[in-house]
Amino acid sequence: MTCSLFGHRYISNSIETKLREELINLITNNGCNLFYVGNNGEFDRVALRILKELSDNYSIIYYVVLAYMNSGKGYEDISIYPEGLEFVNKRFAITSRNRWMVDNSDYVLCYVQYSGGAEQALKRARAKGKIIINIA
């Protein structure tokens, strides 16, 4: 099973414990072993750090899904760039990347409190019938 993670650029540090708990639940109780996360904000950084930690104890794979061709500095060995994204206007690259993540996932674990890109991804996940966990 595959899970994509979405959240706001700016978050409260208090979500870290809840995010870790939900990730462990997805791994141990729902069979998730592949995770997609972006690289554009605080939520993404926290999620990636937790996934790195969990990979020491669980058999999981995670990828940083890039919105821009050359934005993977420091993530070379764990990043992917969705096919076709190179033809998308840079202005819409993050939204297009997020669509790809939702479309290629069974679960969406998110932290969405207000409108923005994470909310758009959440709406797409609902429309596609994905299993959603919003920790906000």
N, C-alpha and C. Protein backbone atom coordinates (compact mmCIF):
# COMPACT_ATOMS: atom_id res chain seq x y z
N MET A 1 0.84 -1.17 0.00
CA MET A 1 0.00 0.00 0.00
C MET A 1 0.89 1.24 0.00
N THR A 2 0.38 2.27 -0.62
CA THR A 2 1.13 3.51 -0.78
C THR A 2 0.42 4.66 -0.08
N CYS A 3 1.20 5.55 0.53
CA CYS A 3 0.66 6.70 1.24
C CYS A 3 1.41 7.96 0.83
N SER A 4 0.66 9.00 0.51
CA SER A 4 1.25 10.31 0.26
C SER A 4 1.00 11.21 1.45
N LEU A 5 1.96 12.07 1.72
CA LEU A 5 1.86 12.99 2.86
C LEU A 5 1.82 14.43 2.36
N PHE A 6 0.85 15.19 2.88
CA PHE A 6 0.67 16.59 2.50
C PHE A 6 0.45 17.43 3.75
N GLY A 7 0.98 18.63 3.73
CA GLY A 7 0.73 19.54 4.83
C GLY A 7 1.14 20.95 4.45
N HIS A 8 0.82 21.86 5.33
CA HIS A 8 1.11 23.27 5.07
C HIS A 8 2.60 23.57 5.18
N ARG A 9 2.97 24.64 4.54
CA ARG A 9 4.36 25.09 4.56
C ARG A 9 4.82 25.41 5.98
N TYR A 10 3.92 26.00 6.77
CA TYR A 10 4.23 26.35 8.16
C TYR A 10 3.32 25.55 9.07
N ILE A 11 3.91 24.89 10.06
CA ILE A 11 3.14 24.03 10.96
C ILE A 11 3.57 24.25 12.40
N SER A 12 2.78 23.69 13.30
CA SER A 12 3.12 23.69 14.71
C SER A 12 3.99 22.46 15.00
N ASN A 13 4.98 22.62 15.85
CA ASN A 13 5.83 21.48 16.21
C ASN A 13 5.05 20.40 16.95
N SER A 14 3.89 20.76 17.47
CA SER A 14 3.12 19.80 18.26
C SER A 14 2.55 18.65 17.42
N ILE A 15 2.61 18.74 16.11
CA ILE A 15 2.04 17.66 15.29
C ILE A 15 2.98 16.47 15.13
N GLU A 16 4.24 16.64 15.48
CA GLU A 16 5.23 15.59 15.23
C GLU A 16 4.85 14.26 15.87
N THR A 17 4.42 14.27 17.11
CA THR A 17 4.05 13.03 17.80
C THR A 17 2.87 12.36 17.11
N LYS A 18 1.86 13.13 16.77
CA LYS A 18 0.67 12.58 16.11
C LYS A 18 1.03 12.03 14.73
N LEU A 19 1.88 12.74 14.00
CA LEU A 19 2.30 12.28 12.68
C LEU A 19 3.05 10.95 12.79
N ARG A 20 3.95 10.84 13.74
CA ARG A 20 4.69 9.59 13.95
C ARG A 20 3.74 8.44 14.29
N GLU A 21 2.79 8.69 15.19
CA GLU A 21 1.82 7.67 15.58
C GLU A 21 1.02 7.18 14.38
N GLU A 22 0.56 8.12 13.56
CA GLU A 22 -0.25 7.74 12.39
C GLU A 22 0.58 6.97 11.36
N LEU A 23 1.83 7.36 11.18
CA LEU A 23 2.69 6.63 10.25
C LEU A 23 2.93 5.21 10.74
N ILE A 24 3.19 5.05 12.02
CA ILE A 24 3.38 3.70 12.57
C ILE A 24 2.12 2.87 12.41
N ASN A 25 0.97 3.49 12.64
CA ASN A 25 -0.30 2.78 12.46
C ASN A 25 -0.48 2.34 11.00
N LEU A 26 -0.18 3.22 10.06
CA LEU A 26 -0.30 2.86 8.65
C LEU A 26 0.63 1.71 8.27
N ILE A 27 1.81 1.71 8.83
CA ILE A 27 2.79 0.66 8.54
C ILE A 27 2.37 -0.67 9.17
N THR A 28 2.05 -0.64 10.45
CA THR A 28 1.81 -1.88 11.18
C THR A 28 0.41 -2.45 11.00
N ASN A 29 -0.59 -1.59 10.83
CA ASN A 29 -1.97 -2.06 10.77
C ASN A 29 -2.61 -2.00 9.38
N ASN A 30 -2.02 -1.22 8.48
CA ASN A 30 -2.64 -1.05 7.17
C ASN A 30 -1.75 -1.48 6.01
N GLY A 31 -0.58 -1.99 6.31
CA GLY A 31 0.29 -2.53 5.28
C GLY A 31 0.94 -1.51 4.37
N CYS A 32 1.01 -0.26 4.80
CA CYS A 32 1.69 0.75 3.98
C CYS A 32 3.19 0.53 4.07
N ASN A 33 3.82 0.48 2.91
CA ASN A 33 5.27 0.31 2.90
C ASN A 33 5.96 1.24 1.91
N LEU A 34 5.19 2.05 1.19
CA LEU A 34 5.74 3.01 0.25
C LEU A 34 5.13 4.37 0.55
N PHE A 35 5.99 5.38 0.71
CA PHE A 35 5.54 6.71 1.10
C PHE A 35 6.11 7.76 0.16
N TYR A 36 5.25 8.73 -0.19
CA TYR A 36 5.64 9.88 -1.01
C TYR A 36 5.50 11.14 -0.18
N VAL A 37 6.51 12.00 -0.23
CA VAL A 37 6.47 13.27 0.47
C VAL A 37 7.13 14.32 -0.41
N GLY A 38 6.67 15.55 -0.32
CA GLY A 38 7.27 16.65 -1.08
C GLY A 38 8.51 17.19 -0.39
N ASN A 39 8.96 18.35 -0.86
CA ASN A 39 10.14 18.99 -0.26
C ASN A 39 9.99 20.51 -0.26
N ASN A 40 8.78 20.97 0.08
CA ASN A 40 8.53 22.40 -0.04
C ASN A 40 8.13 23.12 1.23
N GLY A 41 8.22 22.51 2.37
CA GLY A 41 7.82 23.22 3.58
C GLY A 41 8.14 22.46 4.84
N GLU A 42 7.73 23.04 5.97
CA GLU A 42 8.02 22.45 7.28
C GLU A 42 7.37 21.07 7.44
N PHE A 43 6.12 20.93 7.01
CA PHE A 43 5.47 19.63 7.13
C PHE A 43 6.29 18.56 6.41
N ASP A 44 6.71 18.86 5.19
CA ASP A 44 7.49 17.91 4.41
C ASP A 44 8.79 17.55 5.12
N ARG A 45 9.47 18.53 5.69
CA ARG A 45 10.73 18.26 6.39
C ARG A 45 10.52 17.37 7.61
N VAL A 46 9.47 17.66 8.39
CA VAL A 46 9.18 16.85 9.57
C VAL A 46 8.81 15.43 9.15
N ALA A 47 7.94 15.30 8.15
CA ALA A 47 7.51 13.98 7.68
C ALA A 47 8.71 13.17 7.17
N LEU A 48 9.57 13.80 6.41
CA LEU A 48 10.74 13.10 5.87
C LEU A 48 11.66 12.64 7.00
N ARG A 49 11.88 13.48 7.99
CA ARG A 49 12.73 13.09 9.12
C ARG A 49 12.15 11.88 9.85
N ILE A 50 10.83 11.89 10.06
CA ILE A 50 10.18 10.76 10.74
C ILE A 50 10.28 9.50 9.90
N LEU A 51 10.06 9.62 8.59
CA LEU A 51 10.17 8.45 7.72
C LEU A 51 11.58 7.87 7.75
N LYS A 52 12.60 8.73 7.76
CA LYS A 52 13.98 8.25 7.87
C LYS A 52 14.17 7.46 9.15
N GLU A 53 13.66 7.99 10.26
CA GLU A 53 13.78 7.31 11.55
C GLU A 53 13.05 5.96 11.53
N LEU A 54 11.84 5.95 10.99
CA LEU A 54 11.05 4.72 10.97
C LEU A 54 11.66 3.65 10.06
N SER A 55 12.38 4.08 9.04
CA SER A 55 12.98 3.10 8.13
C SER A 55 14.06 2.26 8.81
N ASP A 56 14.55 2.71 9.96
CA ASP A 56 15.52 1.91 10.71
C ASP A 56 14.86 0.70 11.38
N ASN A 57 13.55 0.82 11.68
CA ASN A 57 12.84 -0.24 12.40
C ASN A 57 11.77 -0.96 11.59
N TYR A 58 11.39 -0.38 10.47
CA TYR A 58 10.33 -0.96 9.64
C TYR A 58 10.83 -1.09 8.21
N SER A 59 10.26 -2.04 7.51
CA SER A 59 10.63 -2.29 6.12
C SER A 59 9.78 -1.39 5.22
N ILE A 60 10.22 -0.14 5.07
CA ILE A 60 9.48 0.82 4.26
C ILE A 60 10.42 1.47 3.25
N ILE A 61 9.81 2.03 2.22
CA ILE A 61 10.51 2.81 1.21
C ILE A 61 9.83 4.17 1.17
N TYR A 62 10.61 5.21 1.03
CA TYR A 62 10.02 6.54 0.92
C TYR A 62 10.79 7.33 -0.15
N TYR A 63 10.04 8.20 -0.81
CA TYR A 63 10.62 9.04 -1.85
C TYR A 63 10.21 10.48 -1.64
N VAL A 64 11.14 11.37 -1.91
CA VAL A 64 10.84 12.78 -2.01
C VAL A 64 10.43 12.99 -3.46
N VAL A 65 9.19 13.43 -3.66
CA VAL A 65 8.68 13.63 -5.01
C VAL A 65 8.91 15.10 -5.37
N LEU A 66 9.73 15.32 -6.37
CA LEU A 66 10.13 16.67 -6.75
C LEU A 66 9.10 17.33 -7.65
N ALA A 67 8.91 18.63 -7.44
CA ALA A 67 8.03 19.41 -8.31
C ALA A 67 8.83 20.07 -9.43
N TYR A 68 10.12 20.27 -9.20
CA TYR A 68 10.99 20.93 -10.17
C TYR A 68 12.17 20.02 -10.48
N MET A 69 12.56 20.00 -11.72
CA MET A 69 13.58 19.08 -12.23
C MET A 69 14.85 19.05 -11.37
N ASN A 70 15.42 20.17 -11.04
CA ASN A 70 16.70 20.21 -10.35
C ASN A 70 16.57 20.65 -8.90
N SER A 71 15.49 20.27 -8.24
CA SER A 71 15.27 20.71 -6.86
C SER A 71 15.57 19.62 -5.84
N GLY A 72 16.27 18.57 -6.25
CA GLY A 72 16.50 17.44 -5.38
C GLY A 72 17.85 17.41 -4.71
N LYS A 73 18.50 18.56 -4.60
CA LYS A 73 19.82 18.59 -3.97
C LYS A 73 19.72 18.07 -2.54
N GLY A 74 20.54 17.08 -2.25
CA GLY A 74 20.52 16.45 -0.95
C GLY A 74 19.59 15.25 -0.87
N TYR A 75 18.76 15.07 -1.90
CA TYR A 75 17.82 13.95 -1.93
C TYR A 75 18.08 13.02 -3.11
N GLU A 76 19.23 13.12 -3.73
CA GLU A 76 19.49 12.40 -4.98
C GLU A 76 19.15 10.91 -4.91
N ASP A 77 19.45 10.27 -3.80
CA ASP A 77 19.24 8.83 -3.71
C ASP A 77 17.82 8.45 -3.31
N ILE A 78 16.99 9.42 -2.91
CA ILE A 78 15.62 9.10 -2.49
C ILE A 78 14.57 9.95 -3.21
N SER A 79 14.94 10.61 -4.29
CA SER A 79 13.97 11.48 -4.97
C SER A 79 13.51 10.89 -6.29
N ILE A 80 12.29 11.25 -6.66
CA ILE A 80 11.75 10.90 -7.97
C ILE A 80 11.12 12.15 -8.57
N TYR A 81 11.08 12.18 -9.87
CA TYR A 81 10.49 13.30 -10.61
C TYR A 81 9.46 12.70 -11.56
N PRO A 82 8.16 12.93 -11.29
CA PRO A 82 7.12 12.30 -12.10
C PRO A 82 7.24 12.62 -13.59
N GLU A 83 7.06 11.59 -14.39
CA GLU A 83 7.11 11.74 -15.84
C GLU A 83 6.04 12.73 -16.30
N GLY A 84 6.42 13.60 -17.22
CA GLY A 84 5.51 14.59 -17.78
C GLY A 84 5.54 15.93 -17.07
N LEU A 85 6.08 15.96 -15.86
CA LEU A 85 6.11 17.21 -15.09
C LEU A 85 7.01 18.26 -15.74
N GLU A 86 7.95 17.81 -16.53
CA GLU A 86 8.86 18.76 -17.19
C GLU A 86 8.14 19.65 -18.20
N PHE A 87 6.93 19.25 -18.60
CA PHE A 87 6.16 20.03 -19.56
C PHE A 87 5.17 20.98 -18.90
N VAL A 88 5.10 20.96 -17.56
CA VAL A 88 4.16 21.79 -16.82
C VAL A 88 4.80 23.14 -16.52
N ASN A 89 4.03 24.20 -16.67
CA ASN A 89 4.49 25.54 -16.31
C ASN A 89 4.92 25.53 -14.85
N LYS A 90 6.07 26.14 -14.54
CA LYS A 90 6.60 26.15 -13.17
C LYS A 90 5.56 26.63 -12.15
N ARG A 91 4.72 27.51 -12.57
CA ARG A 91 3.70 28.06 -11.67
C ARG A 91 2.76 26.96 -11.15
N PHE A 92 2.58 25.91 -11.93
CA PHE A 92 1.66 24.83 -11.57
C PHE A 92 2.37 23.53 -11.20
N ALA A 93 3.68 23.59 -11.06
CA ALA A 93 4.46 22.37 -10.83
C ALA A 93 4.10 21.67 -9.52
N ILE A 94 3.96 22.42 -8.43
CA ILE A 94 3.66 21.79 -7.14
C ILE A 94 2.27 21.16 -7.17
N THR A 95 1.31 21.86 -7.74
CA THR A 95 -0.04 21.32 -7.85
C THR A 95 -0.05 20.06 -8.70
N SER A 96 0.67 20.06 -9.79
CA SER A 96 0.73 18.88 -10.67
C SER A 96 1.44 17.72 -9.98
N ARG A 97 2.50 18.02 -9.26
CA ARG A 97 3.20 16.99 -8.49
C ARG A 97 2.27 16.38 -7.45
N ASN A 98 1.52 17.24 -6.75
CA ASN A 98 0.60 16.75 -5.73
C ASN A 98 -0.49 15.87 -6.34
N ARG A 99 -0.98 16.23 -7.51
CA ARG A 99 -1.97 15.40 -8.20
C ARG A 99 -1.40 14.02 -8.48
N TRP A 100 -0.17 13.98 -8.97
CA TRP A 100 0.48 12.70 -9.25
C TRP A 100 0.58 11.88 -7.97
N MET A 101 0.97 12.50 -6.87
CA MET A 101 1.10 11.79 -5.59
C MET A 101 -0.24 11.19 -5.16
N VAL A 102 -1.30 11.99 -5.22
CA VAL A 102 -2.64 11.49 -4.83
C VAL A 102 -3.04 10.33 -5.74
N ASP A 103 -2.89 10.51 -7.03
CA ASP A 103 -3.33 9.50 -7.99
C ASP A 103 -2.58 8.18 -7.83
N ASN A 104 -1.38 8.23 -7.28
CA ASN A 104 -0.56 7.02 -7.14
C ASN A 104 -0.51 6.51 -5.70
N SER A 105 -1.51 6.86 -4.91
CA SER A 105 -1.55 6.46 -3.50
C SER A 105 -2.87 5.81 -3.14
N ASP A 106 -2.81 4.97 -2.11
CA ASP A 106 -4.01 4.39 -1.52
C ASP A 106 -4.49 5.23 -0.34
N TYR A 107 -3.54 5.78 0.40
CA TYR A 107 -3.81 6.59 1.58
C TYR A 107 -3.23 7.98 1.41
N VAL A 108 -3.86 8.95 2.08
CA VAL A 108 -3.32 10.30 2.17
C VAL A 108 -3.31 10.67 3.64
N LEU A 109 -2.12 10.95 4.15
CA LEU A 109 -1.94 11.40 5.52
C LEU A 109 -1.57 12.88 5.43
N CYS A 110 -2.38 13.72 6.04
CA CYS A 110 -2.18 15.15 5.84
C CYS A 110 -2.38 15.96 7.12
N TYR A 111 -1.95 17.20 7.03
CA TYR A 111 -2.17 18.19 8.07
C TYR A 111 -2.71 19.41 7.33
N VAL A 112 -4.05 19.50 7.26
CA VAL A 112 -4.70 20.56 6.51
C VAL A 112 -5.66 21.30 7.43
N GLN A 113 -5.39 22.60 7.62
CA GLN A 113 -6.23 23.44 8.47
C GLN A 113 -6.89 24.58 7.71
N TYR A 114 -6.31 24.99 6.59
CA TYR A 114 -6.81 26.14 5.86
C TYR A 114 -6.55 25.94 4.37
N SER A 115 -7.04 26.87 3.56
CA SER A 115 -6.93 26.71 2.12
C SER A 115 -5.48 26.87 1.65
N GLY A 116 -5.20 26.26 0.53
CA GLY A 116 -3.87 26.29 -0.06
C GLY A 116 -3.62 25.02 -0.84
N GLY A 117 -2.37 24.77 -1.15
CA GLY A 117 -2.01 23.60 -1.95
C GLY A 117 -2.32 22.28 -1.28
N ALA A 118 -2.09 22.21 0.04
CA ALA A 118 -2.40 20.97 0.76
C ALA A 118 -3.90 20.71 0.75
N GLU A 119 -4.68 21.75 0.85
CA GLU A 119 -6.14 21.58 0.80
C GLU A 119 -6.58 21.10 -0.58
N GLN A 120 -5.97 21.62 -1.63
CA GLN A 120 -6.29 21.16 -2.98
C GLN A 120 -5.99 19.67 -3.14
N ALA A 121 -4.87 19.23 -2.58
CA ALA A 121 -4.51 17.80 -2.64
C ALA A 121 -5.53 16.98 -1.87
N LEU A 122 -5.96 17.48 -0.72
CA LEU A 122 -6.97 16.80 0.09
C LEU A 122 -8.29 16.67 -0.67
N LYS A 123 -8.71 17.73 -1.34
CA LYS A 123 -9.94 17.69 -2.13
C LYS A 123 -9.84 16.65 -3.26
N ARG A 124 -8.69 16.59 -3.91
CA ARG A 124 -8.50 15.59 -4.97
C ARG A 124 -8.56 14.18 -4.39
N ALA A 125 -7.94 14.00 -3.23
CA ALA A 125 -7.95 12.68 -2.59
C ALA A 125 -9.38 12.25 -2.27
N ARG A 126 -10.20 13.18 -1.77
CA ARG A 126 -11.62 12.87 -1.50
C ARG A 126 -12.33 12.47 -2.79
N ALA A 127 -12.11 13.26 -3.84
CA ALA A 127 -12.78 13.00 -5.12
C ALA A 127 -12.36 11.66 -5.71
N LYS A 128 -11.13 11.24 -5.45
CA LYS A 128 -10.62 9.97 -5.98
C LYS A 128 -10.92 8.79 -5.06
N GLY A 129 -11.57 9.06 -3.91
CA GLY A 129 -11.93 7.98 -3.01
C GLY A 129 -10.78 7.40 -2.22
N LYS A 130 -9.74 8.18 -2.00
CA LYS A 130 -8.59 7.72 -1.22
C LYS A 130 -8.96 7.68 0.27
N ILE A 131 -8.26 6.87 1.02
CA ILE A 131 -8.43 6.83 2.47
C ILE A 131 -7.62 7.98 3.05
N ILE A 132 -8.29 8.87 3.79
CA ILE A 132 -7.68 10.11 4.25
C ILE A 132 -7.59 10.13 5.76
N ILE A 133 -6.42 10.55 6.25
CA ILE A 133 -6.22 10.79 7.66
C ILE A 133 -5.70 12.21 7.79
N ASN A 134 -6.50 13.10 8.36
CA ASN A 134 -6.09 14.49 8.55
C ASN A 134 -5.81 14.69 10.03
N ILE A 135 -4.55 14.95 10.38
CA ILE A 135 -4.18 15.08 11.78
C ILE A 135 -4.35 16.51 12.32
N ALA A 136 -4.90 17.40 11.51
CA ALA A 136 -5.13 18.79 11.97
C ALA A 136 -6.28 18.83 12.96
